[in-house]
Amino acid sequence: MVYIRAHDETVRNGIGTGAYLLRFALGLDWDVTTRKFLRDPEFYQAGKQFDFTETESTLDKPGTYDEDDITLNEVPFGNLPREPIDELIFNEGDPPN
């Protein structure tokens, strides 16, 4: 989990190869202790899976890896379809505190 303040950007390195489902929350008044928005939380799941692959370098060519740019807020012609979900689904798979 990562918190990204409105209008900021972040880069996540070291994501292992595999297929991932992105879930995210939007809201106001982020509480660091509970890791939740205190006002107007909205929960979403990306409408597509993210597949990360990596190829080893060879003598002939360098290795490659996948990169993706994602905009979480809705923008015209954006690249992230999203589906509203409830908080229970959003929290599936979270480790116990």
Foldseek 3Di string as FASTA:
>chain_A
DDDDPPPGDDDDPDDDFDKAKDKDKDEDDQDPVVRDHPGDIWIKIWPDIDGWDKDPQDPVGHIDIDDDDADPDDDVVGDTHMDTDDPVVSCPPPDDD
